[in-house]
PDB file of N, CA and C in Angstrom:
ATOM      1  N   MET A   1     -43.472  30.163 -17.124  1.00  0.00           N
ATOM      2  CA  MET A   1     -42.513  30.514 -16.098  1.00  0.00           C
ATOM      3  C   MET A   1     -42.349  29.377 -15.092  1.00  0.00           C
ATOM      4  N   GLU A   2     -43.456  28.699 -14.806  1.00  0.00           N
ATOM      5  CA  GLU A   2     -43.399  27.611 -13.839  1.00  0.00           C
ATOM      6  C   GLU A   2     -42.559  26.448 -14.366  1.00  0.00           C
ATOM      7  N   SER A   3     -42.575  26.177 -15.661  1.00  0.00           N
ATOM      8  CA  SER A   3     -41.786  25.098 -16.244  1.00  0.00           C
ATOM      9  C   SER A   3     -40.296  25.399 -16.129  1.00  0.00           C
ATOM     10  N   VAL A   4     -39.932  26.661 -16.214  1.00  0.00           N
ATOM     11  CA  VAL A   4     -38.527  27.051 -16.044  1.00  0.00           C
ATOM     12  C   VAL A   4     -38.108  26.790 -14.606  1.00  0.00           C
ATOM     13  N   SER A   5     -38.989  27.096 -13.671  1.00  0.00           N
ATOM     14  CA  SER A   5     -38.704  26.875 -12.258  1.00  0.00           C
ATOM     15  C   SER A   5     -38.533  25.383 -11.962  1.00  0.00           C
ATOM     16  N   LYS A   6     -39.405  24.565 -12.559  1.00  0.00           N
ATOM     17  CA  LYS A   6     -39.292  23.111 -12.367  1.00  0.00           C
ATOM     18  C   LYS A   6     -37.992  22.605 -12.962  1.00  0.00           C
ATOM     19  N   SER A   7     -37.652  23.094 -14.121  1.00  0.00           N
ATOM     20  CA  SER A   7     -36.420  22.686 -14.777  1.00  0.00           C
ATOM     21  C   SER A   7     -35.214  23.054 -13.910  1.00  0.00           C
ATOM     22  N   THR A   8     -35.256  24.260 -13.348  1.00  0.00           N
ATOM     23  CA  THR A   8     -34.168  24.706 -12.476  1.00  0.00           C
ATOM     24  C   THR A   8     -34.112  23.861 -11.216  1.00  0.00           C
ATOM     25  N   ASP A   9     -35.282  23.553 -10.655  1.00  0.00           N
ATOM     26  CA  ASP A   9     -35.329  22.702  -9.461  1.00  0.00           C
ATOM     27  C   ASP A   9     -34.770  21.315  -9.768  1.00  0.00           C
ATOM     28  N   GLN A  10     -35.127  20.782 -10.916  1.00  0.00           N
ATOM     29  CA  GLN A  10     -34.616  19.461 -11.300  1.00  0.00           C
ATOM     30  C   GLN A  10     -33.105  19.501 -11.497  1.00  0.00           C
ATOM     31  N   GLN A  11     -32.639  20.567 -12.098  1.00  0.00           N
ATOM     32  CA  GLN A  11     -31.192  20.697 -12.306  1.00  0.00           C
ATOM     33  C   GLN A  11     -30.460  20.807 -10.975  1.00  0.00           C
ATOM     34  N   LEU A  12     -31.049  21.550 -10.054  1.00  0.00           N
ATOM     35  CA  LEU A  12     -30.428  21.678  -8.731  1.00  0.00           C
ATOM     36  C   LEU A  12     -30.415  20.349  -7.992  1.00  0.00           C
ATOM     37  N   GLU A  13     -31.513  19.607  -8.097  1.00  0.00           N
ATOM     38  CA  GLU A  13     -31.575  18.297  -7.459  1.00  0.00           C
ATOM     39  C   GLU A  13     -30.531  17.355  -8.070  1.00  0.00           C
ATOM     40  N   GLN A  14     -30.419  17.387  -9.394  1.00  0.00           N
ATOM     41  CA  GLN A  14     -29.434  16.538 -10.065  1.00  0.00           C
ATOM     42  C   GLN A  14     -28.021  16.943  -9.653  1.00  0.00           C
ATOM     43  N   LEU A  15     -27.779  18.231  -9.580  1.00  0.00           N
ATOM     44  CA  LEU A  15     -26.467  18.721  -9.169  1.00  0.00           C
ATOM     45  C   LEU A  15     -26.160  18.297  -7.730  1.00  0.00           C
ATOM     46  N   ALA A  16     -27.151  18.405  -6.867  1.00  0.00           N
ATOM     47  CA  ALA A  16     -26.968  17.994  -5.475  1.00  0.00           C
ATOM     48  C   ALA A  16     -26.651  16.499  -5.386  1.00  0.00           C
ATOM     49  N   GLU A  17     -27.322  15.675  -6.191  1.00  0.00           N
ATOM     50  CA  GLU A  17     -27.052  14.240  -6.212  1.00  0.00           C
ATOM     51  C   GLU A  17     -25.622  13.959  -6.696  1.00  0.00           C
ATOM     52  N   GLU A  18     -25.209  14.685  -7.719  1.00  0.00           N
ATOM     53  CA  GLU A  18     -23.862  14.497  -8.257  1.00  0.00           C
ATOM     54  C   GLU A  18     -22.805  14.922  -7.243  1.00  0.00           C
ATOM     55  N   VAL A  19     -23.070  16.006  -6.556  1.00  0.00           N
ATOM     56  CA  VAL A  19     -22.138  16.464  -5.518  1.00  0.00           C
ATOM     57  C   VAL A  19     -22.045  15.412  -4.412  1.00  0.00           C
ATOM     58  N   GLN A  20     -23.183  14.838  -4.032  1.00  0.00           N
ATOM     59  CA  GLN A  20     -23.185  13.809  -2.991  1.00  0.00           C
ATOM     60  C   GLN A  20     -22.406  12.575  -3.457  1.00  0.00           C
ATOM     61  N   LEU A  21     -22.587  12.188  -4.733  1.00  0.00           N
ATOM     62  CA  LEU A  21     -21.834  11.057  -5.282  1.00  0.00           C
ATOM     63  C   LEU A  21     -20.332  11.331  -5.240  1.00  0.00           C
ATOM     64  N   LEU A  22     -19.951  12.551  -5.597  1.00  0.00           N
ATOM     65  CA  LEU A  22     -18.533  12.922  -5.543  1.00  0.00           C
ATOM     66  C   LEU A  22     -18.007  12.904  -4.108  1.00  0.00           C
ATOM     67  N   ALA A  23     -18.804  13.389  -3.171  1.00  0.00           N
ATOM     68  CA  ALA A  23     -18.397  13.380  -1.761  1.00  0.00           C
ATOM     69  C   ALA A  23     -18.226  11.943  -1.270  1.00  0.00           C
ATOM     70  N   ASP A  24     -19.151  11.069  -1.662  1.00  0.00           N
ATOM     71  CA  ASP A  24     -19.043   9.652  -1.282  1.00  0.00           C
ATOM     72  C   ASP A  24     -17.803   9.018  -1.893  1.00  0.00           C
ATOM     73  N   LEU A  25     -17.543   9.339  -3.153  1.00  0.00           N
ATOM     74  CA  LEU A  25     -16.366   8.814  -3.830  1.00  0.00           C
ATOM     75  C   LEU A  25     -15.095   9.297  -3.142  1.00  0.00           C
ATOM     76  N   CYS A  26     -15.041  10.562  -2.780  1.00  0.00           N
ATOM     77  CA  CYS A  26     -13.874  11.109  -2.077  1.00  0.00           C
ATOM     78  C   CYS A  26     -13.649  10.388  -0.748  1.00  0.00           C
ATOM     79  N   ALA A  27     -14.715  10.146  -0.029  1.00  0.00           N
ATOM     80  CA  ALA A  27     -14.596   9.441   1.251  1.00  0.00           C
ATOM     81  C   ALA A  27     -14.069   8.027   1.041  1.00  0.00           C
ATOM     82  N   ARG A  28     -14.576   7.342   0.005  1.00  0.00           N
ATOM     83  CA  ARG A  28     -14.111   5.982  -0.281  1.00  0.00           C
ATOM     84  C   ARG A  28     -12.636   5.983  -0.692  1.00  0.00           C
ATOM     85  N   LEU A  29     -12.264   6.937  -1.528  1.00  0.00           N
ATOM     86  CA  LEU A  29     -10.871   7.028  -1.964  1.00  0.00           C
ATOM     87  C   LEU A  29      -9.945   7.343  -0.792  1.00  0.00           C
ATOM     88  N   LYS A  30     -10.388   8.200   0.093  1.00  0.00           N
ATOM     89  CA  LYS A  30      -9.590   8.516   1.280  1.00  0.00           C
ATOM     90  C   LYS A  30      -9.374   7.274   2.123  1.00  0.00           C
ATOM     91  N   SER A  31     -10.408   6.492   2.291  1.00  0.00           N
ATOM     92  CA  SER A  31     -10.310   5.240   3.044  1.00  0.00           C
ATOM     93  C   SER A  31      -9.376   4.250   2.334  1.00  0.00           C
ATOM     94  N   ASP A  32      -9.515   4.160   1.021  1.00  0.00           N
ATOM     95  CA  ASP A  32      -8.645   3.263   0.243  1.00  0.00           C
ATOM     96  C   ASP A  32      -7.183   3.677   0.360  1.00  0.00           C
ATOM     97  N   ILE A  33      -6.930   4.974   0.300  1.00  0.00           N
ATOM     98  CA  ILE A  33      -5.557   5.475   0.423  1.00  0.00           C
ATOM     99  C   ILE A  33      -4.990   5.120   1.787  1.00  0.00           C
ATOM    100  N   GLN A  34      -5.775   5.291   2.831  1.00  0.00           N
ATOM    101  CA  GLN A  34      -5.334   4.963   4.186  1.00  0.00           C
ATOM    102  C   GLN A  34      -4.982   3.477   4.277  1.00  0.00           C
ATOM    103  N   THR A  35      -5.840   2.635   3.722  1.00  0.00           N
ATOM    104  CA  THR A  35      -5.587   1.186   3.742  1.00  0.00           C
ATOM    105  C   THR A  35      -4.319   0.852   2.974  1.00  0.00           C
ATOM    106  N   LEU A  36      -4.137   1.456   1.812  1.00  0.00           N
ATOM    107  CA  LEU A  36      -2.945   1.191   1.011  1.00  0.00           C
ATOM    108  C   LEU A  36      -1.676   1.681   1.708  1.00  0.00           C
ATOM    109  N   GLN A  37      -1.754   2.814   2.384  1.00  0.00           N
ATOM    110  CA  GLN A  37      -0.593   3.313   3.119  1.00  0.00           C
ATOM    111  C   GLN A  37      -0.220   2.363   4.256  1.00  0.00           C
ATOM    112  N   GLU A  38      -1.220   1.835   4.947  1.00  0.00           N
ATOM    113  CA  GLU A  38      -0.953   0.886   6.026  1.00  0.00           C
ATOM    114  C   GLU A  38      -0.341  -0.396   5.469  1.00  0.00           C
ATOM    115  N   GLN A  39      -0.865  -0.874   4.345  1.00  0.00           N
ATOM    116  CA  GLN A  39      -0.302  -2.073   3.723  1.00  0.00           C
ATOM    117  C   GLN A  39       1.134  -1.817   3.275  1.00  0.00           C
ATOM    118  N   ASN A  40       1.382  -0.641   2.730  1.00  0.00           N
ATOM    119  CA  ASN A  40       2.726  -0.289   2.280  1.00  0.00           C
ATOM    120  C   ASN A  40       3.710  -0.279   3.450  1.00  0.00           C
ATOM    121  N   GLN A  41       3.307   0.303   4.569  1.00  0.00           N
ATOM    122  CA  GLN A  41       4.164   0.329   5.752  1.00  0.00           C
ATOM    123  C   GLN A  41       4.440  -1.082   6.244  1.00  0.00           C
ATOM    124  N   SER A  42       3.411  -1.901   6.264  1.00  0.00           N
ATOM    125  CA  SER A  42       3.576  -3.289   6.708  1.00  0.00           C
ATOM    126  C   SER A  42       4.528  -4.053   5.787  1.00  0.00           C
ATOM    127  N   LEU A  43       4.353  -3.875   4.488  1.00  0.00           N
ATOM    128  CA  LEU A  43       5.226  -4.562   3.530  1.00  0.00           C
ATOM    129  C   LEU A  43       6.659  -4.043   3.605  1.00  0.00           C
ATOM    130  N   SER A  44       6.822  -2.770   3.874  1.00  0.00           N
ATOM    131  CA  SER A  44       8.172  -2.208   4.024  1.00  0.00           C
ATOM    132  C   SER A  44       8.871  -2.808   5.239  1.00  0.00           C
ATOM    133  N   ARG A  45       8.136  -2.934   6.339  1.00  0.00           N
ATOM    134  CA  ARG A  45       8.718  -3.557   7.534  1.00  0.00           C
ATOM    135  C   ARG A  45       9.069  -5.019   7.259  1.00  0.00           C
ATOM    136  N   GLU A  46       8.163  -5.731   6.587  1.00  0.00           N
ATOM    137  CA  GLU A  46       8.410  -7.131   6.255  1.00  0.00           C
ATOM    138  C   GLU A  46       9.635  -7.252   5.350  1.00  0.00           C
ATOM    139  N   ARG A  47       9.752  -6.359   4.383  1.00  0.00           N
ATOM    140  CA  ARG A  47      10.901  -6.370   3.471  1.00  0.00           C
ATOM    141  C   ARG A  47      12.199  -6.155   4.246  1.00  0.00           C
ATOM    142  N   SER A  48      12.192  -5.195   5.161  1.00  0.00           N
ATOM    143  CA  SER A  48      13.383  -4.925   5.973  1.00  0.00           C
ATOM    144  C   SER A  48      13.767  -6.150   6.799  1.00  0.00           C
ATOM    145  N   ASP A  49      12.768  -6.795   7.393  1.00  0.00           N
ATOM    146  CA  ASP A  49      13.028  -8.008   8.177  1.00  0.00           C
ATOM    147  C   ASP A  49      13.629  -9.102   7.303  1.00  0.00           C
ATOM    148  N   LEU A  50      13.089  -9.264   6.104  1.00  0.00           N
ATOM    149  CA  LEU A  50      13.594 -10.304   5.204  1.00  0.00           C
ATOM    150  C   LEU A  50      15.013 -10.002   4.729  1.00  0.00           C
ATOM    151  N   ILE A  51      15.298  -8.741   4.465  1.00  0.00           N
ATOM    152  CA  ILE A  51      16.656  -8.355   4.069  1.00  0.00           C
ATOM    153  C   ILE A  51      17.629  -8.672   5.205  1.00  0.00           C
ATOM    154  N   GLU A  52      17.236  -8.352   6.424  1.00  0.00           N
ATOM    155  CA  GLU A  52      18.086  -8.624   7.586  1.00  0.00           C
ATOM    156  C   GLU A  52      18.322 -10.128   7.747  1.00  0.00           C
ATOM    157  N   LYS A  53      17.257 -10.915   7.615  1.00  0.00           N
ATOM    158  CA  LYS A  53      17.401 -12.373   7.725  1.00  0.00           C
ATOM    159  C   LYS A  53      18.282 -12.915   6.610  1.00  0.00           C
ATOM    160  N   ASN A  54      18.147 -12.371   5.418  1.00  0.00           N
ATOM    161  CA  ASN A  54      18.951 -12.801   4.283  1.00  0.00           C
ATOM    162  C   ASN A  54      20.430 -12.510   4.534  1.00  0.00           C
ATOM    163  N   GLU A  55      20.725 -11.335   5.046  1.00  0.00           N
ATOM    164  CA  GLU A  55      22.110 -10.974   5.349  1.00  0.00           C
ATOM    165  C   GLU A  55      22.687 -11.879   6.429  1.00  0.00           C
ATOM    166  N   LEU A  56      21.895 -12.197   7.429  1.00  0.00           N
ATOM    167  CA  LEU A  56      22.350 -13.101   8.496  1.00  0.00           C
ATOM    168  C   LEU A  56      22.639 -14.485   7.925  1.00  0.00           C
ATOM    169  N   ALA A  57      21.740 -14.974   7.082  1.00  0.00           N
ATOM    170  CA  ALA A  57      21.954 -16.293   6.461  1.00  0.00           C
ATOM    171  C   ALA A  57      23.199 -16.267   5.579  1.00  0.00           C
ATOM    172  N   ARG A  58      23.391 -15.191   4.818  1.00  0.00           N
ATOM    173  CA  ARG A  58      24.568 -15.066   3.959  1.00  0.00           C
ATOM    174  C   ARG A  58      25.855 -15.108   4.802  1.00  0.00           C
ATOM    175  N   SER A  59      25.859 -14.376   5.910  1.00  0.00           N
ATOM    176  CA  SER A  59      27.033 -14.362   6.785  1.00  0.00           C
ATOM    177  C   SER A  59      27.333 -15.750   7.341  1.00  0.00           C
ATOM    178  N   ARG A  60      26.291 -16.442   7.759  1.00  0.00           N
ATOM    179  CA  ARG A  60      26.484 -17.795   8.310  1.00  0.00           C
ATOM    180  C   ARG A  60      27.015 -18.749   7.246  1.00  0.00           C
ATOM    181  N   ILE A  61      26.478 -18.656   6.052  1.00  0.00           N
ATOM    182  CA  ILE A  61      26.927 -19.540   4.965  1.00  0.00           C
ATOM    183  C   ILE A  61      28.376 -19.230   4.602  1.00  0.00           C
ATOM    184  N   GLU A  62      28.720 -17.953   4.523  1.00  0.00           N
ATOM    185  CA  GLU A  62      30.096 -17.579   4.233  1.00  0.00           C
ATOM    186  C   GLU A  62      31.036 -18.094   5.307  1.00  0.00           C
ATOM    187  N   ALA A  63      30.619 -17.997   6.575  1.00  0.00           N
ATOM    188  CA  ALA A  63      31.444 -18.511   7.681  1.00  0.00           C
ATOM    189  C   ALA A  63      31.618 -20.029   7.555  1.00  0.00           C
ATOM    190  N   MET A  64      30.554 -20.750   7.176  1.00  0.00           N
ATOM    191  CA  MET A  64      30.654 -22.208   6.998  1.00  0.00           C
ATOM    192  C   MET A  64      31.614 -22.553   5.866  1.00  0.00           C
ATOM    193  N   ILE A  65      31.531 -21.802   4.779  1.00  0.00           N
ATOM    194  CA  ILE A  65      32.415 -22.052   3.632  1.00  0.00           C
ATOM    195  C   ILE A  65      33.872 -21.848   4.050  1.00  0.00           C
ATOM    196  N   ILE A  66      34.136 -20.786   4.796  1.00  0.00           N
ATOM    197  CA  ILE A  66      35.502 -20.531   5.265  1.00  0.00           C
ATOM    198  C   ILE A  66      35.983 -21.681   6.149  1.00  0.00           C
ATOM    199  N   ARG A  67      35.122 -22.144   7.066  1.00  0.00           N
ATOM    200  CA  ARG A  67      35.510 -23.266   7.944  1.00  0.00           C
ATOM    201  C   ARG A  67      35.756 -24.528   7.136  1.00  0.00           C
ATOM    202  N   LEU A  68      34.893 -24.789   6.142  1.00  0.00           N
ATOM    203  CA  LEU A  68      35.077 -25.991   5.316  1.00  0.00           C
ATOM    204  C   LEU A  68      36.381 -25.914   4.522  1.00  0.00           C
ATOM    205  N   LYS A  69      36.690 -24.758   3.986  1.00  0.00           N
ATOM    206  CA  LYS A  69      37.939 -24.596   3.251  1.00  0.00           C
ATOM    207  C   LYS A  69      39.136 -24.770   4.189  1.00  0.00           C
ATOM    208  N   ALA A  70      39.013 -24.247   5.398  1.00  0.00           N
ATOM    209  CA  ALA A  70      40.107 -24.392   6.386  1.00  0.00           C
ATOM    210  C   ALA A  70      40.295 -25.858   6.737  1.00  0.00           C
ATOM    211  N   MET A  71      39.189 -26.588   6.889  1.00  0.00           N
ATOM    212  CA  MET A  71      39.294 -28.032   7.197  1.00  0.00           C
ATOM    213  C   MET A  71      39.919 -28.772   6.043  1.00  0.00           C
ATOM    214  N   GLU A  72      39.578 -28.387   4.842  1.00  0.00           N
ATOM    215  CA  GLU A  72      40.113 -29.055   3.647  1.00  0.00           C
ATOM    216  C   GLU A  72      41.609 -28.793   3.518  1.00  0.00           C
ATOM    217  N   ILE A  73      42.065 -27.582   3.818  1.00  0.00           N
ATOM    218  CA  ILE A  73      43.469 -27.241   3.724  1.00  0.00           C
ATOM    219  C   ILE A  73      44.269 -27.971   4.795  1.00  0.00           C
ATOM    220  N   SER A  74      43.705 -28.116   5.970  1.00  0.00           N
ATOM    221  CA  SER A  74      44.440 -28.753   7.077  1.00  0.00           C
ATOM    222  C   SER A  74      44.551 -30.250   6.921  1.00  0.00           C
ATOM    223  N   ARG A  75      43.929 -30.837   5.982  1.00  0.00           N
ATOM    224  CA  ARG A  75      44.014 -32.286   5.771  1.00  0.00           C
ATOM    225  C   ARG A  75      45.328 -32.675   5.234  1.00  0.00           C
TER     226      ARG A  75
END
């Protein structure tokens, strides 16, 4: 009977260790998700800024092309 009790105690200890490992893993994954969400937000803002700068550059280049064509026609 005592060997059954030891076996049960060992199983409970092993189960407790596994539960703790899972809890630690969950905490790490939660932290990783938070970090990835912050990186995603930062990259989204950076992307928006770059799109805006690209549009501004495109507008300026188009305006220069129009001026150059106007100068060429007026010659």
